[in-house]
Amino acid sequence: MNIASTAGDNEQRVRDFFAAWGRDFAQFCDSFPKIMSEDCLLVQSGIPDVRGPDQAIALLRAARAHQGIETIRVELLHLIATDRCVLTERIDHLLKADKHRIASIPVAGVMEFEGGKIVGWREYFDSKLMDGLPGARLLA
């Protein structure tokens, strides 16, 4: 099924996606299959590439186990949306279960959409900001 997307649709999808990251770990994980296509390639600076929501969730679980990342509060600075692409500038606040901040990472991201799902996703940030986190080497 191919769902037509407008810039407004894609903007709202991304805003809802980021909002789910900050609720709890279950909703954080559940948000990925709702928006990410099965063959979407997620490329992040200094972190192994993952394909599809299952691999993305496995990476989230590894980050939780080794770094204590329970949720991410996304501080959205800029968002530009078209019917095909969403560009974001944001600060990802990595939080423990008790909501204490582990780190705050400035991120620029590009999400490409087809049929209402992300089919390509690239994130740019200084991966050295994660070097001091417990288990950071396990994710690299």
Protein backbone atom coordinates (compact mmCIF):
# COMPACT_ATOMS: atom_id res chain seq x y z
CA MET A 1 0.00 0.00 0.00
CA ASN A 2 1.46 3.35 -1.04
CA ILE A 3 0.36 6.26 1.14
CA ALA A 4 0.71 9.72 -0.39
CA SER A 5 2.63 12.12 1.84
CA THR A 6 2.50 15.87 2.08
CA ALA A 7 5.13 18.01 3.78
CA GLY A 8 2.68 18.49 6.66
CA ASP A 9 2.09 14.74 6.99
CA ASN A 10 5.82 14.01 7.14
CA GLU A 11 6.42 16.83 9.62
CA GLN A 12 3.73 15.45 11.93
CA ARG A 13 5.03 11.89 11.59
CA VAL A 14 8.52 13.01 12.67
CA ARG A 15 7.20 15.15 15.55
CA ASP A 16 5.11 12.19 16.81
CA PHE A 17 8.09 9.84 16.38
CA PHE A 18 10.39 12.06 18.43
CA ALA A 19 7.70 12.56 21.10
CA ALA A 20 7.47 8.77 21.56
CA TRP A 21 11.23 8.60 22.25
CA GLY A 22 10.72 10.55 25.49
CA ARG A 23 7.76 8.65 26.97
CA ASP A 24 9.18 5.30 28.08
CA PHE A 25 11.40 2.58 26.66
CA ALA A 26 8.51 0.46 25.34
CA GLN A 27 6.98 3.38 23.41
CA PHE A 28 10.46 4.41 22.25
CA CYS A 29 10.95 0.96 20.67
CA ASP A 30 7.35 0.68 19.42
CA SER A 31 7.71 3.94 17.49
CA PHE A 32 10.26 2.50 15.04
CA PRO A 33 8.12 -0.05 13.14
CA LYS A 34 5.37 2.57 12.81
CA ILE A 35 7.54 4.94 10.77
CA MET A 36 10.59 3.02 9.53
CA SER A 37 10.38 0.80 6.44
CA GLU A 38 11.74 -2.75 6.66
CA ASP A 39 14.60 -1.93 4.29
CA CYS A 40 15.41 1.56 5.63
CA LEU A 41 19.13 2.07 6.09
CA LEU A 42 19.95 4.15 9.19
CA VAL A 43 23.44 5.66 9.04
CA GLN A 44 24.77 7.39 12.17
CA SER A 45 28.19 8.93 12.79
CA GLY A 46 30.45 6.48 14.62
CA ILE A 47 27.76 3.83 15.13
CA PRO A 48 27.27 0.73 12.94
CA ASP A 49 24.64 1.12 10.21
CA VAL A 50 21.36 -0.68 10.82
CA ARG A 51 18.68 -1.78 8.37
CA GLY A 52 15.03 -1.76 9.31
CA PRO A 53 13.21 -1.35 12.61
CA ASP A 54 14.29 -4.69 14.11
CA GLN A 55 17.98 -3.81 13.90
CA ALA A 56 17.26 -0.27 15.14
CA ILE A 57 15.44 -1.68 18.19
CA ALA A 58 18.31 -4.10 18.83
CA LEU A 59 20.65 -1.08 18.89
CA LEU A 60 18.32 0.69 21.36
CA ARG A 61 18.33 -2.38 23.60
CA ALA A 62 22.15 -2.51 23.50
CA ALA A 63 22.33 1.19 24.42
CA ARG A 64 19.94 0.57 27.30
CA ALA A 65 21.89 -2.43 28.59
CA HIS A 66 25.35 -0.89 28.29
CA GLN A 67 24.73 2.83 28.74
CA GLY A 68 21.49 3.02 30.70
CA ILE A 69 19.69 5.00 27.98
CA GLU A 70 16.00 4.60 28.73
CA THR A 71 14.56 7.47 26.69
CA ILE A 72 15.67 10.42 24.58
CA ARG A 73 14.11 13.82 25.04
CA VAL A 74 14.39 15.51 21.67
CA GLU A 75 14.81 19.28 21.73
CA LEU A 76 13.85 20.20 18.19
CA LEU A 77 15.60 23.37 17.02
CA HIS A 78 14.65 23.32 13.33
CA LEU A 79 12.54 21.09 11.11
CA ILE A 80 12.09 21.47 7.36
CA ALA A 81 9.69 19.11 5.61
CA THR A 82 8.77 18.35 2.01
CA ASP A 83 6.59 15.60 0.57
CA ARG A 84 9.75 13.45 0.26
CA CYS A 85 12.17 14.54 3.00
CA VAL A 86 12.43 15.89 6.56
CA LEU A 87 15.55 17.71 7.76
CA THR A 88 16.06 18.29 11.47
CA GLU A 89 18.46 20.10 13.75
CA ARG A 90 18.03 19.02 17.33
CA ILE A 91 19.61 18.19 20.65
CA ASP A 92 19.06 14.62 21.83
CA HIS A 93 19.05 14.46 25.63
CA LEU A 94 19.88 10.84 26.55
CA LEU A 95 18.09 9.99 29.79
CA LYS A 96 18.23 7.25 32.41
CA ALA A 97 15.06 5.64 33.75
CA ASP A 98 15.04 8.18 36.62
CA LYS A 99 15.16 10.96 33.96
CA HIS A 100 18.69 12.04 34.90
CA ARG A 101 20.60 13.21 31.84
CA ILE A 102 23.42 10.98 30.60
CA ALA A 103 24.46 13.31 27.77
CA SER A 104 23.12 15.92 25.37
CA ILE A 105 24.13 15.44 21.74
CA PRO A 106 23.56 18.01 18.96
CA VAL A 107 22.28 16.17 15.86
CA ALA A 108 21.43 17.04 12.27
CA GLY A 109 19.29 14.46 10.51
CA VAL A 110 17.85 13.65 7.09
CA MET A 111 14.84 11.34 6.74
CA GLU A 112 13.63 10.33 3.27
CA PHE A 113 9.99 9.25 2.99
CA GLU A 114 8.05 6.99 0.62
CA GLY A 115 4.54 5.78 1.28
CA GLY A 116 4.42 7.35 4.74
CA LYS A 117 7.56 5.50 5.96
CA ILE A 118 11.20 6.45 6.33
CA VAL A 119 13.17 4.68 3.58
CA GLY A 120 16.52 6.42 4.15
CA TRP A 121 17.83 8.04 7.34
CA ARG A 122 21.13 9.72 8.07
CA GLU A 123 22.19 11.29 11.38
CA TYR A 124 25.21 13.56 11.77
CA PHE A 125 26.75 14.26 15.18
CA ASP A 126 30.10 14.27 16.93
CA SER A 127 30.39 10.63 18.02
CA LYS A 128 33.27 11.58 20.34
CA LEU A 129 30.62 13.06 22.64
CA MET A 130 29.59 9.46 23.37
CA ASP A 131 33.12 8.16 24.06
CA GLY A 132 32.90 8.64 27.81
CA LEU A 133 29.61 6.77 28.17
CA PRO A 134 29.69 3.26 29.63
CA GLY A 135 29.60 0.63 26.89
CA ALA A 136 30.11 3.17 24.08
CA ARG A 137 32.72 0.90 22.46
CA LEU A 138 30.17 -1.94 22.30
CA LEU A 139 27.99 0.17 19.97
CA ALA A 140 30.83 1.16 17.66
